[in-house]
């Protein structure tokens, strides 16, 4: 089971997104080394790895185990990361399908037949959790089912906890849950006439010659919608751009005490979650969910998330400063999925790699950092 899980995760990290790739990987020297095949000659073949991912892992206890493994990895990674706060960004995305996959449906927003997975990332880019959902559900559907285990993971940590979300998460039940669990939040609020009335004094066009730079104004006020149990703080941002007839107005609901401009700046950081999602899409192709059954595709998404987090841990915990800026795609091409000359001896295998992608000094430093992390984890 352990070797099969290793093969499923590491093959995805190396860019092999489909079970069909197991035909080549079963005889690949690196994959055989990863799966610690001492007695058997090859790693698992297509049939074995296929049964593992479609028959064994979709069992309820194993599906839960995948999520728990990811949670333990995140906990260990955060222990190695100096931090005084945790920022949780929740967002949804689309995974297009091209067949009759169970649970797939047409989504009018994305204009395709797809699944509609939900993701949660922290400020370091680690995927705290992911949930596969049918294609036609609301963007915030089952938010609590994904968020609650993550919040419990940090409830005993002495750090400030934050939550950011777009307008899809502007729901009173979400505000109440976050307030009850001591999370500070900044969530975009859909505009309405009552909100515009609060900022009407900022909606007059600036006098004088138009500025090349946008004229930005901030305002905050207390507001209570009919479905809310109490007043809450709303921050407004009004932008006048040169050549625009009307201003661009945005509203953010928050329980933070920072100034209006600080709240807006904090909320704008939410866009980084879209960047992490794109890395998962284009580096690992985690939209490749081609199984017929819904649970099997949930397993595949879980395996992709494990592979993504391994790559992200490598990037933020191990890479030297000179290459710290590498994207996950660059990391895959230059460090993980690269060619090597293989020399076989009776007791060991040597991989001779060229310095075209990465110099030996940097590679040696990476190995040294790996060793230090391993020593810390054993202690």
Protein backbone atom coordinates (compact mmCIF):
# COMPACT_ATOMS: atom_id res chain seq x y z
CA UNK A 1 0.00 0.00 0.00
CA UNK A 2 2.78 2.44 0.91
CA UNK A 3 4.71 1.75 -2.29
CA UNK A 4 1.59 2.07 -4.41
CA UNK A 5 0.75 5.41 -2.79
CA UNK A 6 4.30 6.62 -3.36
CA UNK A 7 4.11 5.65 -7.00
CA UNK A 8 0.75 7.40 -7.47
CA UNK A 9 1.92 10.63 -5.83
CA UNK A 10 5.48 10.85 -7.19
CA UNK A 11 4.43 10.04 -10.74
CA UNK A 12 2.04 13.00 -10.65
CA UNK A 13 4.73 15.24 -9.20
CA UNK A 14 6.94 14.26 -12.14
CA UNK A 15 4.22 15.31 -14.57
CA UNK A 16 2.80 11.85 -15.38
CA UNK A 17 -0.86 12.65 -14.93
CA UNK A 18 -2.53 9.42 -16.02
CA UNK A 19 -2.55 5.79 -14.89
CA UNK A 20 -1.61 4.79 -18.45
CA UNK A 21 1.85 6.24 -17.79
CA UNK A 22 2.48 3.38 -15.35
CA UNK A 23 3.44 1.19 -18.31
CA UNK A 24 6.66 3.18 -18.77
CA UNK A 25 7.13 4.11 -15.10
CA UNK A 26 7.05 0.48 -13.97
CA UNK A 27 10.52 -0.01 -15.50
CA UNK A 28 11.81 3.50 -14.82
CA UNK A 29 14.97 3.29 -12.63
CA UNK A 30 13.97 6.32 -10.52
CA UNK A 31 10.44 5.04 -9.88
CA UNK A 32 11.85 1.65 -8.88
CA UNK A 33 14.16 3.43 -6.44
CA UNK A 34 11.29 5.55 -5.07
CA UNK A 35 9.09 2.53 -4.46
CA UNK A 36 11.98 0.64 -2.84
CA UNK A 37 11.67 -2.41 -5.07
CA UNK A 38 14.33 -4.76 -3.77
CA UNK A 39 12.89 -8.18 -4.55
CA UNK A 40 10.57 -7.36 -7.44
CA UNK A 41 12.19 -6.05 -10.58
CA UNK A 42 9.68 -3.39 -11.58
CA UNK A 43 7.27 -0.92 -9.98
CA UNK A 44 3.51 -1.51 -10.21
CA UNK A 45 2.04 -1.93 -13.69
CA UNK A 46 -1.11 -0.35 -15.14
CA UNK A 47 -3.51 -2.98 -13.82
CA UNK A 48 -2.17 -2.88 -10.27
CA UNK A 49 -2.00 0.90 -9.96
CA UNK A 50 -5.40 1.20 -11.66
CA UNK A 51 -7.09 -1.14 -9.15
CA UNK A 52 -5.37 0.70 -6.31
CA UNK A 53 -6.73 4.10 -7.41
CA UNK A 54 -10.21 3.03 -8.51
CA UNK A 55 -11.08 0.17 -6.11
CA UNK A 56 -9.01 0.51 -2.92
CA UNK A 57 -8.55 4.26 -2.36
CA UNK A 58 -12.23 5.18 -3.04
CA UNK A 59 -13.25 3.22 0.08
CA UNK A 60 -14.57 5.63 2.71
CA UNK A 61 -11.79 5.05 5.25
CA UNK A 62 -9.06 5.35 2.61
CA UNK A 63 -10.57 8.51 1.12
CA UNK A 64 -10.59 10.02 4.61
CA UNK A 65 -7.02 8.83 5.10
CA UNK A 66 -5.83 10.77 2.05
CA UNK A 67 -7.18 13.98 3.60
CA UNK A 68 -5.60 13.15 6.97
CA UNK A 69 -2.22 12.51 5.34
CA UNK A 70 -2.40 15.92 3.70
CA UNK A 71 -3.32 17.53 7.04
CA UNK A 72 -0.34 15.93 8.80
CA UNK A 73 1.99 17.07 6.04
CA UNK A 74 0.72 20.65 6.33
CA UNK A 75 1.16 20.58 10.11
CA UNK A 76 4.79 19.42 9.81
CA UNK A 77 5.55 21.97 7.09
CA UNK A 78 4.10 24.83 9.15
CA UNK A 79 6.19 23.73 12.15
CA UNK A 80 9.28 24.38 9.97
CA UNK A 81 7.91 27.78 8.86
CA UNK A 82 8.26 30.83 11.13
CA UNK A 83 4.84 32.49 11.18
CA UNK A 84 2.66 34.55 13.52
CA UNK A 85 -0.54 34.24 11.51
CA UNK A 86 -2.33 31.85 9.18
CA UNK A 87 -4.28 33.20 6.20
CA UNK A 88 -6.80 30.83 4.61
CA UNK A 89 -7.90 31.63 1.05
CA UNK A 90 -10.88 29.69 -0.29
CA UNK A 91 -11.76 29.61 -3.96
CA UNK A 92 -13.39 27.36 -6.52
CA UNK A 93 -12.28 26.35 -9.99
CA UNK A 94 -13.36 24.21 -12.92
CA UNK A 95 -12.11 20.82 -14.11
CA UNK A 96 -13.45 20.31 -17.66
CA UNK A 97 -14.56 16.80 -18.59
CA UNK A 98 -14.87 15.22 -22.01
CA UNK A 99 -17.07 12.21 -21.37
CA UNK A 100 -19.92 10.92 -19.22
CA UNK A 101 -18.20 11.20 -15.85
CA UNK A 102 -20.51 10.74 -12.88
CA UNK A 103 -21.37 14.10 -11.27
CA UNK A 104 -20.18 16.26 -14.15
CA UNK A 105 -22.59 18.92 -15.41
CA UNK A 106 -22.72 22.06 -17.53
CA UNK A 107 -21.63 25.20 -15.67
CA UNK A 108 -22.94 28.45 -17.13
CA UNK A 109 -20.17 30.55 -15.59
CA UNK A 110 -17.34 28.47 -17.03
CA UNK A 111 -19.37 27.59 -20.15
CA UNK A 112 -18.36 23.94 -20.23
CA UNK A 113 -19.17 20.51 -18.84
CA UNK A 114 -17.02 20.16 -15.77
CA UNK A 115 -16.55 19.40 -12.11
CA UNK A 116 -16.51 22.38 -9.74
CA UNK A 117 -13.84 21.65 -7.08
CA UNK A 118 -13.32 23.82 -4.00
CA UNK A 119 -9.81 24.63 -2.70
CA UNK A 120 -8.33 26.18 0.43
CA UNK A 121 -4.73 27.48 0.53
CA UNK A 122 -2.62 29.09 3.22
CA UNK A 123 -0.35 32.10 2.70
CA UNK A 124 2.62 29.89 1.78
CA UNK A 125 0.78 28.23 -1.09
CA UNK A 126 0.14 24.90 0.67
CA UNK A 127 -3.18 23.38 -0.33
CA UNK A 128 -4.86 22.88 3.05
CA UNK A 129 -7.72 20.93 1.50
CA UNK A 130 -9.64 20.25 -1.70
CA UNK A 131 -13.10 18.90 -2.39
CA UNK A 132 -14.51 17.62 -5.66
CA UNK A 133 -18.11 18.71 -6.34
CA UNK A 134 -20.61 18.34 -9.18
CA UNK A 135 -20.25 20.87 -11.97
CA UNK A 136 -23.47 22.79 -11.40
CA UNK A 137 -23.21 23.63 -7.67
CA UNK A 138 -22.76 27.11 -6.20
CA UNK A 139 -19.17 28.30 -5.70
CA UNK A 140 -19.53 28.20 -1.89
CA UNK A 141 -21.38 24.88 -1.72
CA UNK A 142 -20.12 22.61 1.14
CA UNK A 143 -17.71 25.30 2.35
CA UNK A 144 -18.06 24.23 5.98
CA UNK A 145 -17.27 20.60 5.19
CA UNK A 146 -13.92 21.68 3.77
CA UNK A 147 -13.10 24.53 6.16
CA UNK A 148 -14.00 22.99 9.52
CA UNK A 149 -11.21 20.33 9.66
CA UNK A 150 -8.68 23.01 8.67
CA UNK A 151 -9.85 25.36 11.42
CA UNK A 152 -9.67 22.53 13.98
CA UNK A 153 -6.08 21.90 12.90
CA UNK A 154 -5.12 25.39 14.06
CA UNK A 155 -7.41 25.83 17.06
CA UNK A 156 -4.63 25.08 19.60
CA UNK A 157 -1.99 27.12 17.77
CA UNK A 158 -1.10 30.52 19.23
CA UNK A 159 -1.39 32.36 15.92
CA UNK A 160 -3.92 34.79 14.51
CA UNK A 161 -6.18 33.20 11.92
CA UNK A 162 -7.58 34.99 8.87
CA UNK A 163 -9.99 34.07 6.08
CA UNK A 164 -10.42 35.63 2.64
CA UNK A 165 -13.03 34.89 0.01
CA UNK A 166 -14.72 36.42 -2.99
CA UNK A 167 -18.37 37.48 -3.27
CA UNK A 168 -19.54 33.85 -3.50
CA UNK A 169 -18.70 33.46 0.22
CA UNK A 170 -20.66 36.54 1.31
CA UNK A 171 -23.13 34.53 3.40
CA UNK A 172 -24.30 35.26 6.96
CA UNK A 173 -23.70 31.66 8.05
CA UNK A 174 -20.06 32.00 7.01
CA UNK A 175 -19.63 35.27 8.93
CA UNK A 176 -21.14 33.70 12.05
CA UNK A 177 -18.95 30.60 11.82
CA UNK A 178 -15.77 32.65 11.41
CA UNK A 179 -16.68 34.95 14.32
CA UNK A 180 -17.49 32.02 16.60
CA UNK A 181 -14.11 30.44 15.84
CA UNK A 182 -12.08 33.66 16.26
CA UNK A 183 -11.14 34.08 12.62
CA UNK A 184 -10.64 37.56 11.21
CA UNK A 185 -12.07 37.81 7.71
CA UNK A 186 -12.29 40.01 4.63
CA UNK A 187 -14.91 38.92 2.09
CA UNK A 188 -16.09 40.79 -0.98
CA UNK A 189 -19.70 41.92 -0.64
CA UNK A 190 -22.01 42.13 -3.69
CA UNK A 191 -23.15 45.71 -4.28
CA UNK A 192 -26.72 46.89 -3.82
CA UNK A 193 -28.57 50.24 -3.66
CA UNK A 194 -28.27 50.52 0.13
CA UNK A 195 -24.51 50.12 -0.04
CA UNK A 196 -24.27 52.70 -2.81
CA UNK A 197 -26.24 55.13 -0.67
CA UNK A 198 -23.52 54.90 1.97
CA UNK A 199 -20.84 56.06 -0.49
CA UNK A 200 -22.84 58.45 -2.66
CA UNK A 201 -20.72 61.36 -1.42
CA UNK A 202 -17.73 59.70 -3.13
CA UNK A 203 -19.48 59.10 -6.45
CA UNK A 204 -19.15 62.65 -7.76
CA UNK A 205 -16.54 63.02 -10.48
CA UNK A 206 -13.27 64.62 -9.27
CA UNK A 207 -13.00 68.23 -10.38
CA UNK A 208 -10.10 69.57 -12.43
CA UNK A 209 -7.90 67.94 -15.03
CA UNK A 210 -8.14 64.12 -14.98
CA UNK A 211 -5.21 62.44 -13.28
CA UNK A 212 -3.23 59.79 -15.10
CA UNK A 213 -3.20 57.75 -11.94
CA UNK A 214 -6.52 56.46 -10.58
CA UNK A 215 -8.09 58.62 -7.89
CA UNK A 216 -8.82 56.22 -5.02
CA UNK A 217 -11.08 56.94 -2.06
CA UNK A 218 -11.91 54.75 0.94
CA UNK A 219 -14.81 54.73 3.34
CA UNK A 220 -16.06 52.37 6.04
CA UNK A 221 -19.42 52.15 7.78
CA UNK A 222 -21.72 49.83 9.70
CA UNK A 223 -24.29 47.88 7.72
CA UNK A 224 -26.87 45.22 8.42
CA UNK A 225 -28.69 43.23 5.75
CA UNK A 226 -32.17 41.84 6.43
CA UNK A 227 -30.79 38.30 6.90
CA UNK A 228 -28.07 39.35 9.37
CA UNK A 229 -28.41 39.19 13.14
CA UNK A 230 -26.21 42.22 13.83
CA UNK A 231 -24.40 45.20 12.33
CA UNK A 232 -21.09 44.47 10.62
CA UNK A 233 -18.30 46.64 9.28
CA UNK A 234 -18.16 47.28 5.54
CA UNK A 235 -15.21 48.90 3.76
CA UNK A 236 -15.74 50.60 0.41
CA UNK A 237 -13.19 51.44 -2.26
CA UNK A 238 -14.06 53.95 -5.01
CA UNK A 239 -11.69 54.29 -7.98
CA UNK A 240 -11.87 56.96 -10.66
CA UNK A 241 -9.85 56.03 -13.76
CA UNK A 242 -8.95 58.43 -16.54
CA UNK A 243 -11.47 58.18 -19.35
CA UNK A 244 -14.09 56.30 -17.31
CA UNK A 245 -17.51 57.90 -17.04
CA UNK A 246 -18.40 56.07 -13.83
CA UNK A 247 -16.23 54.97 -10.89
CA UNK A 248 -15.30 51.40 -10.01
CA UNK A 249 -16.80 50.59 -6.62
CA UNK A 250 -16.10 47.57 -4.42
CA UNK A 251 -17.33 46.57 -0.97
CA UNK A 252 -15.64 44.30 1.57
CA UNK A 253 -17.25 42.98 4.74
CA UNK A 254 -14.80 42.47 7.59
CA UNK A 255 -14.36 42.15 11.35
CA UNK A 256 -10.77 43.43 11.21
CA UNK A 257 -9.78 46.59 13.09
CA UNK A 258 -7.26 47.80 10.50
CA UNK A 259 -7.87 50.99 8.56
CA UNK A 260 -10.00 50.91 5.42
CA UNK A 261 -7.00 51.04 3.09
CA UNK A 262 -5.26 48.27 5.06
CA UNK A 263 -8.33 46.02 4.82
CA UNK A 264 -8.50 46.51 1.04
CA UNK A 265 -4.78 45.80 0.68
CA UNK A 266 -5.17 42.64 2.76
CA UNK A 267 -8.14 41.46 0.70
CA UNK A 268 -6.32 42.07 -2.59
CA UNK A 269 -3.79 39.43 -1.51
CA UNK A 270 -6.55 36.88 -2.08
CA UNK A 271 -5.63 36.83 -5.77
CA UNK A 272 -2.60 34.69 -4.94
CA UNK A 273 -4.96 31.73 -4.44
CA UNK A 274 -5.85 31.90 -8.13
CA UNK A 275 -2.13 31.72 -8.88
CA UNK A 276 -1.77 28.53 -6.80
CA UNK A 277 -4.75 26.98 -8.61
CA UNK A 278 -3.19 27.80 -11.98
CA UNK A 279 0.08 26.18 -10.89
CA UNK A 280 -1.81 23.00 -10.02
CA UNK A 281 -3.55 23.13 -13.39
CA UNK A 282 -0.61 23.82 -15.65
CA UNK A 283 2.29 22.18 -13.80
CA UNK A 284 0.57 19.00 -12.59
CA UNK A 285 -2.61 19.08 -14.72
CA UNK A 286 -4.83 18.26 -11.72
CA UNK A 287 -7.88 18.85 -13.91
CA UNK A 288 -7.20 15.41 -15.40
CA UNK A 289 -10.18 13.66 -13.79
CA UNK A 290 -11.17 11.12 -16.41
CA UNK A 291 -12.50 8.25 -14.27
CA UNK A 292 -16.10 7.21 -14.77
CA UNK A 293 -17.09 7.26 -11.08
CA UNK A 294 -17.20 10.38 -8.93
CA UNK A 295 -15.34 8.90 -5.93
CA UNK A 296 -12.49 7.72 -8.15
CA UNK A 297 -12.09 11.26 -9.42
CA UNK A 298 -12.14 12.55 -5.84
CA UNK A 299 -9.24 10.16 -5.16
CA UNK A 300 -7.36 11.48 -8.17
CA UNK A 301 -7.81 15.06 -7.01
CA UNK A 302 -6.55 14.06 -3.56
CA UNK A 303 -3.44 12.44 -5.08
CA UNK A 304 -2.80 15.54 -7.19
CA UNK A 305 -3.05 17.72 -4.06
CA UNK A 306 -0.48 15.54 -2.27
CA UNK A 307 1.85 15.83 -5.26
CA UNK A 308 1.31 19.60 -5.44
CA UNK A 309 2.11 20.04 -1.75
CA UNK A 310 5.29 17.96 -2.04
CA UNK A 311 6.43 20.27 -4.82
CA UNK A 312 5.48 23.37 -2.84
CA UNK A 313 7.27 22.09 0.29
CA UNK A 314 10.36 21.51 -1.85
CA UNK A 315 10.15 25.03 -3.21
CA UNK A 316 9.64 26.93 0.04
CA UNK A 317 11.56 24.75 2.53
CA UNK A 318 14.48 23.38 0.53
CA UNK A 319 15.36 25.53 -2.48
CA UNK A 320 18.34 27.89 -1.94
CA UNK A 321 17.75 31.63 -2.22
CA UNK A 322 19.16 31.79 -5.77
CA UNK A 323 16.35 29.61 -7.14
CA UNK A 324 13.66 30.36 -4.55
CA UNK A 325 11.66 32.21 -7.20
CA UNK A 326 11.13 29.10 -9.32
CA UNK A 327 7.56 28.27 -10.22
CA UNK A 328 6.27 24.75 -9.74
CA UNK A 329 6.49 24.22 -13.49
CA UNK A 330 10.15 25.29 -13.54
CA UNK A 331 10.85 23.08 -10.55
CA UNK A 332 9.36 20.09 -12.36
CA UNK A 333 11.29 20.68 -15.59
CA UNK A 334 14.68 21.57 -14.09
CA UNK A 335 14.88 19.42 -10.99
CA UNK A 336 12.34 16.57 -11.00
CA UNK A 337 11.63 15.42 -14.55
CA UNK A 338 15.12 15.52 -16.03
CA UNK A 339 17.28 13.08 -17.93
CA UNK A 340 20.19 11.16 -16.42
CA UNK A 341 22.66 8.45 -17.30
CA UNK A 342 22.06 5.32 -15.21
CA UNK A 343 24.99 3.16 -14.05
CA UNK A 344 23.98 -0.12 -12.43
CA UNK A 345 26.17 -2.01 -9.97
CA UNK A 346 25.44 -5.12 -7.96
CA UNK A 347 24.48 -3.18 -4.82
CA UNK A 348 23.61 0.32 -5.98
CA UNK A 349 22.51 2.50 -8.89
CA UNK A 350 24.18 5.79 -9.86
CA UNK A 351 22.29 8.59 -11.62
CA UNK A 352 24.63 10.90 -13.53
CA UNK A 353 22.87 14.20 -14.33
CA UNK A 354 24.09 17.00 -16.57
CA UNK A 355 24.50 20.57 -15.29
CA UNK A 356 22.40 21.98 -18.12
CA UNK A 357 19.33 22.47 -15.90
CA UNK A 358 20.95 23.03 -12.51
CA UNK A 359 24.55 23.46 -11.35
CA UNK A 360 26.07 20.83 -9.09
CA UNK A 361 26.73 23.40 -6.31
CA UNK A 362 23.03 24.24 -6.10
CA UNK A 363 22.06 20.57 -6.32
CA UNK A 364 24.45 19.73 -3.47
CA UNK A 365 22.96 22.52 -1.37
CA UNK A 366 19.46 21.17 -2.02
CA UNK A 367 20.53 17.70 -0.86
CA UNK A 368 22.10 19.24 2.25
CA UNK A 369 18.87 21.05 3.08
CA UNK A 370 16.98 17.80 2.61
CA UNK A 371 19.25 16.12 5.15
CA UNK A 372 18.68 18.88 7.71
CA UNK A 373 14.91 18.62 7.32
CA UNK A 374 15.09 14.84 7.73
CA UNK A 375 17.14 15.20 10.95
CA UNK A 376 14.64 17.70 12.36
CA UNK A 377 11.69 15.43 11.57
CA UNK A 378 13.34 12.46 13.29
CA UNK A 379 13.93 14.51 16.44
